[in-house]
């Protein structure tokens, strides 16, 4: 008897390998997926903006990676919580003074822009179709500023398509993987969240129909239909547990990675689990020998991954 509605993910063609260069953009779910891929030693671009939830901010960030225009003092604001940042960035990027913020933001922007030029796969995770405008421009984050300063606008599927289509069209050398975040935005209300996700799904459908080099991965459906239990959610009942994110990442690998890569991934997962083990007696000779053996195994595995990259 089946106790789940199993989701068919399809398969990415051609599949990716350890030689593939990834750039993730979008919501905090995209950030978590990117970090899990880094932990497995995939080539993943460093973040340059923090979590971005709406399509307009994601498109703006990717356009800046295409043609890097460094941030200037005019872009910096001091927010109510005392830190300095910009409306193009998440609060996690804010710093204690403008110089620190600009130094970090521009250094990360340069690294991400350089990586974007040679990225093979861009993974976009759309979080919400609701956007907030400050003085007529969409912001990436409201930074706890008073709600009366913003206009709240809903993006229809056609509007989302118009934001992302030019990017995808200009970058035909990359595979674009589209996904809708399973994280719920209940600040918009339960009905507002459903309307939002529906608009995102329709926009992705139109992008797939227009651009054959886009691929949809059903992370939203995996949570809604396969997991569909509050034990896979964090305490706020909106974000996911690490186990849920790991499950989606595993399904992503199964659908999109080649067989040789999957073998290496499983070995790396075992090694990472061994390194995370907390011993009863960390100063013991036996534990030092255990660590020495793990380091040797990791070096050999990283060499195998390096050989895989060189092959391509």
Protein backbone atom coordinates (compact mmCIF):
# COMPACT_ATOMS: atom_id res chain seq x y z
CA UNK A 1 0.00 0.00 0.00
CA UNK A 2 1.33 3.44 -0.97
CA UNK A 3 1.24 6.02 1.83
CA UNK A 4 2.56 8.86 -0.31
CA UNK A 5 1.76 10.55 -3.59
CA UNK A 6 5.08 10.03 -5.34
CA UNK A 7 6.21 12.95 -7.48
CA UNK A 8 7.80 12.34 -10.86
CA UNK A 9 10.74 14.71 -11.19
CA UNK A 10 11.78 13.95 -14.73
CA UNK A 11 15.48 13.98 -15.55
CA UNK A 12 17.92 16.70 -16.55
CA UNK A 13 19.59 16.18 -19.93
CA UNK A 14 22.51 16.17 -20.05
CA UNK A 15 23.00 15.37 -16.34
CA UNK A 16 25.46 17.38 -14.26
CA UNK A 17 28.73 16.19 -12.73
CA UNK A 18 31.38 17.49 -10.36
CA UNK A 19 32.73 19.48 -13.31
CA UNK A 20 29.49 21.50 -13.44
CA UNK A 21 29.61 25.07 -12.11
CA UNK A 22 26.46 26.13 -10.22
CA UNK A 23 25.01 29.50 -9.31
CA UNK A 24 21.99 29.55 -6.99
CA UNK A 25 19.74 32.61 -6.72
CA UNK A 26 16.57 33.21 -4.78
CA UNK A 27 14.97 32.52 -1.43
CA UNK A 28 16.52 31.13 1.74
CA UNK A 29 15.65 27.67 0.41
CA UNK A 30 18.06 28.33 -2.49
CA UNK A 31 20.71 29.38 0.03
CA UNK A 32 20.29 26.15 1.98
CA UNK A 33 20.47 24.03 -1.17
CA UNK A 34 23.62 25.87 -2.28
CA UNK A 35 25.30 25.25 1.08
CA UNK A 36 24.49 21.55 0.98
CA UNK A 37 26.04 21.38 -2.50
CA UNK A 38 29.17 23.14 -1.20
CA UNK A 39 29.39 20.67 1.68
CA UNK A 40 29.54 17.93 -0.96
CA UNK A 41 32.38 19.85 -2.68
CA UNK A 42 30.50 20.92 -5.79
CA UNK A 43 31.60 24.12 -7.52
CA UNK A 44 29.04 26.66 -6.30
CA UNK A 45 29.23 30.44 -6.60
CA UNK A 46 29.46 32.43 -3.39
CA UNK A 47 26.39 34.47 -2.53
CA UNK A 48 26.44 38.21 -3.27
CA UNK A 49 23.06 39.48 -2.06
CA UNK A 50 21.61 37.17 0.60
CA UNK A 51 18.18 35.57 0.23
CA UNK A 52 16.04 37.19 -2.47
CA UNK A 53 12.38 36.29 -2.40
CA UNK A 54 10.65 37.96 -5.35
CA UNK A 55 11.31 37.59 -9.10
CA UNK A 56 12.04 41.30 -9.62
CA UNK A 57 14.87 41.32 -7.07
CA UNK A 58 16.26 38.04 -8.41
CA UNK A 59 16.26 39.42 -11.97
CA UNK A 60 17.90 42.66 -10.79
CA UNK A 61 20.65 40.73 -8.99
CA UNK A 62 21.38 38.51 -11.99
CA UNK A 63 21.48 41.52 -14.31
CA UNK A 64 24.05 43.08 -12.00
CA UNK A 65 26.12 39.89 -12.23
CA UNK A 66 25.96 40.12 -16.04
CA UNK A 67 27.23 43.70 -16.04
CA UNK A 68 28.80 44.41 -12.64
CA UNK A 69 28.08 47.94 -11.48
CA UNK A 70 29.64 48.35 -8.08
CA UNK A 71 27.64 49.74 -5.20
CA UNK A 72 28.35 53.34 -4.20
CA UNK A 73 27.79 55.38 -1.02
CA UNK A 74 24.51 56.59 -2.58
CA UNK A 75 23.18 53.02 -2.36
CA UNK A 76 23.83 52.78 1.39
CA UNK A 77 21.16 53.42 4.02
CA UNK A 78 21.15 53.26 7.80
CA UNK A 79 18.23 51.23 9.07
CA UNK A 80 16.27 51.35 12.31
CA UNK A 81 18.26 48.47 13.81
CA UNK A 82 21.38 50.64 13.53
CA UNK A 83 23.26 48.80 10.79
CA UNK A 84 24.10 49.99 7.28
CA UNK A 85 23.07 48.18 4.12
CA UNK A 86 21.13 48.59 0.88
CA UNK A 87 17.67 47.88 -0.45
CA UNK A 88 19.27 45.50 -2.96
CA UNK A 89 20.47 43.19 -0.16
CA UNK A 90 19.05 41.02 2.58
CA UNK A 91 19.48 42.16 6.21
CA UNK A 92 22.20 39.53 6.66
CA UNK A 93 24.47 41.74 4.54
CA UNK A 94 24.16 44.80 6.80
CA UNK A 95 27.30 46.03 8.58
CA UNK A 96 28.13 48.41 11.42
CA UNK A 97 29.36 51.18 9.11
CA UNK A 98 29.05 52.11 5.40
CA UNK A 99 32.67 51.30 4.52
CA UNK A 100 32.40 47.76 5.83
CA UNK A 101 29.16 47.17 3.95
CA UNK A 102 30.46 48.54 0.64
CA UNK A 103 33.72 46.60 0.94
CA UNK A 104 31.93 43.30 1.55
CA UNK A 105 29.13 43.89 -0.96
CA UNK A 106 31.46 44.88 -3.81
CA UNK A 107 34.02 42.14 -3.10
CA UNK A 108 31.29 39.48 -3.13
CA UNK A 109 29.70 41.03 -6.23
CA UNK A 110 32.97 40.79 -8.16
CA UNK A 111 33.51 37.14 -7.18
CA UNK A 112 29.94 36.16 -8.09
CA UNK A 113 30.04 38.10 -11.38
CA UNK A 114 33.30 36.41 -12.40
CA UNK A 115 31.77 33.02 -11.57
CA UNK A 116 28.54 33.80 -13.44
CA UNK A 117 30.45 34.20 -16.72
CA UNK A 118 31.47 30.53 -16.68
CA UNK A 119 28.53 29.05 -14.75
CA UNK A 120 26.97 26.01 -16.42
CA UNK A 121 23.74 25.86 -14.41
CA UNK A 122 21.77 28.68 -12.81
CA UNK A 123 19.21 27.51 -10.25
CA UNK A 124 16.48 30.07 -9.53
CA UNK A 125 14.17 29.52 -6.57
CA UNK A 126 11.16 31.83 -6.63
CA UNK A 127 9.67 32.55 -3.22
CA UNK A 128 6.78 34.99 -3.62
CA UNK A 129 4.98 36.99 -6.30
CA UNK A 130 4.35 39.84 -3.83
CA UNK A 131 6.81 42.73 -4.04
CA UNK A 132 7.35 45.86 -1.99
CA UNK A 133 8.20 49.14 -3.69
CA UNK A 134 10.05 52.03 -2.06
CA UNK A 135 9.84 55.29 -3.99
CA UNK A 136 8.70 53.34 -7.05
CA UNK A 137 11.48 50.73 -7.03
CA UNK A 138 11.18 47.09 -5.91
CA UNK A 139 13.25 46.30 -2.81
CA UNK A 140 14.90 43.01 -1.95
CA UNK A 141 14.11 43.46 1.74
CA UNK A 142 12.20 46.03 3.78
CA UNK A 143 14.84 46.05 6.57
CA UNK A 144 12.18 46.56 9.25
CA UNK A 145 11.28 50.00 7.89
CA UNK A 146 7.69 51.21 8.51
CA UNK A 147 5.15 49.52 6.24
CA UNK A 148 3.65 52.91 5.32
CA UNK A 149 6.79 53.68 3.28
CA UNK A 150 6.12 50.84 0.84
CA UNK A 151 3.60 49.99 -1.85
CA UNK A 152 2.70 46.31 -1.94
CA UNK A 153 2.22 44.95 -5.46
CA UNK A 154 1.29 41.51 -6.83
CA UNK A 155 3.20 40.26 -9.88
CA UNK A 156 1.06 38.47 -12.45
CA UNK A 157 2.61 35.53 -14.39
CA UNK A 158 3.12 37.70 -17.48
CA UNK A 159 5.03 40.27 -15.44
CA UNK A 160 7.29 37.61 -13.93
CA UNK A 161 7.90 36.18 -17.42
CA UNK A 162 8.89 39.62 -18.72
CA UNK A 163 11.41 40.03 -15.88
CA UNK A 164 13.19 36.70 -16.36
CA UNK A 165 12.83 35.97 -20.08
CA UNK A 166 15.47 38.48 -21.29
CA UNK A 167 18.05 37.03 -18.86
CA UNK A 168 17.44 33.47 -20.00
CA UNK A 169 17.42 34.50 -23.65
CA UNK A 170 20.77 36.34 -23.34
CA UNK A 171 22.42 33.40 -21.57
CA UNK A 172 21.70 30.44 -23.82
CA UNK A 173 25.02 28.84 -22.88
CA UNK A 174 23.62 28.04 -19.43
CA UNK A 175 21.01 25.56 -18.26
CA UNK A 176 18.37 27.34 -16.19
CA UNK A 177 16.74 25.24 -13.50
CA UNK A 178 13.55 26.78 -12.17
CA UNK A 179 11.90 25.84 -8.91
CA UNK A 180 9.29 27.31 -6.57
CA UNK A 181 10.20 27.50 -2.92
CA UNK A 182 8.14 25.23 -0.65
CA UNK A 183 8.61 27.75 2.19
CA UNK A 184 5.31 29.41 2.98
CA UNK A 185 4.96 33.21 3.14
CA UNK A 186 2.12 33.41 5.64
CA UNK A 187 2.69 37.12 6.21
CA UNK A 188 0.70 37.43 2.97
CA UNK A 189 -2.07 35.33 4.52
CA UNK A 190 -2.81 31.71 3.65
CA UNK A 191 -4.85 32.67 0.58
CA UNK A 192 -2.30 35.27 -0.48
CA UNK A 193 0.45 32.66 -0.24
CA UNK A 194 -1.50 30.28 -2.49
CA UNK A 195 -2.16 33.02 -5.06
CA UNK A 196 1.52 33.90 -4.98
CA UNK A 197 2.73 30.34 -5.55
CA UNK A 198 0.19 29.91 -8.37
CA UNK A 199 1.50 33.01 -10.15
CA UNK A 200 5.07 31.73 -9.84
CA UNK A 201 4.13 28.30 -11.19
CA UNK A 202 2.35 29.80 -14.21
CA UNK A 203 5.30 32.08 -14.96
CA UNK A 204 7.71 29.11 -14.86
CA UNK A 205 5.41 27.18 -17.21
CA UNK A 206 5.53 30.03 -19.73
CA UNK A 207 9.33 30.24 -19.45
CA UNK A 208 9.64 26.50 -20.09
CA UNK A 209 7.44 26.75 -23.14
CA UNK A 210 9.50 29.62 -24.54
CA UNK A 211 13.03 28.43 -23.68
CA UNK A 212 13.92 24.73 -24.20
CA UNK A 213 17.09 25.11 -22.09
CA UNK A 214 15.05 25.63 -18.92
CA UNK A 215 14.11 22.73 -16.64
CA UNK A 216 11.62 22.66 -13.79
CA UNK A 217 12.42 20.79 -10.60
CA UNK A 218 9.34 20.19 -8.36
CA UNK A 219 10.69 21.01 -4.89
CA UNK A 220 7.34 22.63 -4.00
CA UNK A 221 5.41 19.50 -4.97
CA UNK A 222 7.82 17.21 -3.11
CA UNK A 223 7.02 18.99 0.14
CA UNK A 224 3.31 19.47 -0.50
CA UNK A 225 2.61 15.93 -1.73
CA UNK A 226 5.37 13.58 -0.58
CA UNK A 227 6.34 15.02 2.81
CA UNK A 228 3.12 16.92 3.66
CA UNK A 229 3.59 16.69 7.41
CA UNK A 230 4.41 19.35 9.99
CA UNK A 231 7.30 17.29 11.33
CA UNK A 232 9.22 18.41 8.24
CA UNK A 233 8.71 22.08 9.16
CA UNK A 234 10.66 24.22 11.61
CA UNK A 235 9.05 25.76 14.70
CA UNK A 236 7.53 28.63 12.67
CA UNK A 237 5.64 26.06 10.50
CA UNK A 238 6.82 27.96 7.41
CA UNK A 239 10.48 27.04 6.93
CA UNK A 240 11.72 23.48 6.46
CA UNK A 241 13.84 21.30 8.69
CA UNK A 242 17.31 20.34 7.52
CA UNK A 243 16.06 16.79 6.97
CA UNK A 244 13.41 18.05 4.55
CA UNK A 245 15.94 20.17 2.65
CA UNK A 246 18.32 17.20 2.50
CA UNK A 247 15.55 14.99 1.12
CA UNK A 248 14.84 17.49 -1.66
CA UNK A 249 18.56 17.77 -2.42
CA UNK A 250 18.79 13.97 -2.67
CA UNK A 251 15.85 13.88 -5.10
CA UNK A 252 17.49 16.68 -7.07
CA UNK A 253 20.69 14.64 -7.34
CA UNK A 254 18.81 11.52 -8.42
CA UNK A 255 17.03 13.47 -11.14
CA UNK A 256 19.91 15.57 -12.42
CA UNK A 257 23.35 14.04 -11.64
CA UNK A 258 25.15 11.35 -13.62
CA UNK A 259 25.77 7.92 -12.06
CA UNK A 260 29.48 8.42 -11.42
CA UNK A 261 28.74 11.66 -9.60
CA UNK A 262 26.07 9.98 -7.48
CA UNK A 263 28.62 7.35 -6.39
CA UNK A 264 31.07 10.06 -5.31
CA UNK A 265 28.30 11.98 -3.55
CA UNK A 266 27.30 8.98 -1.44
CA UNK A 267 30.93 8.47 -0.38
CA UNK A 268 31.23 12.17 0.53
CA UNK A 269 28.01 12.02 2.54
CA UNK A 270 29.39 9.12 4.58
CA UNK A 271 32.64 11.00 5.22
CA UNK A 272 30.80 14.17 6.25
CA UNK A 273 28.67 12.14 8.69
CA UNK A 274 31.82 10.59 10.17
CA UNK A 275 33.47 13.98 10.61
CA UNK A 276 30.32 15.28 12.33
CA UNK A 277 30.47 12.44 14.88
CA UNK A 278 31.02 13.67 18.46
CA UNK A 279 33.34 11.30 20.32
CA UNK A 280 33.16 10.54 24.04
CA UNK A 281 36.94 10.90 24.36
CA UNK A 282 38.22 13.35 21.70
CA UNK A 283 41.79 13.34 23.10
CA UNK A 284 42.18 9.58 22.96
CA UNK A 285 44.76 7.92 20.70
CA UNK A 286 42.07 5.85 19.01
CA UNK A 287 40.09 8.96 18.07
CA UNK A 288 43.19 10.68 16.68
CA UNK A 289 43.83 7.60 14.54
CA UNK A 290 40.17 7.64 13.48
CA UNK A 291 40.51 11.28 12.34
CA UNK A 292 43.78 10.56 10.56
CA UNK A 293 42.11 7.77 8.60
CA UNK A 294 39.16 10.02 7.74
CA UNK A 295 41.49 12.75 6.47
CA UNK A 296 43.23 10.21 4.26
CA UNK A 297 39.89 9.02 2.85
CA UNK A 298 38.79 12.60 2.21
CA UNK A 299 42.03 13.43 0.40
CA UNK A 300 41.59 10.38 -1.83
CA UNK A 301 37.96 11.26 -2.54
CA UNK A 302 38.80 14.89 -3.34
CA UNK A 303 41.45 13.62 -5.72
CA UNK A 304 38.82 11.47 -7.44
CA UNK A 305 36.55 14.51 -7.70
CA UNK A 306 39.45 16.55 -9.11
CA UNK A 307 40.09 13.88 -11.72
CA UNK A 308 36.42 13.95 -12.66
CA UNK A 309 36.63 17.74 -13.18
CA UNK A 310 39.82 17.47 -15.27
CA UNK A 311 38.17 14.85 -17.49
CA UNK A 312 35.75 17.51 -18.66
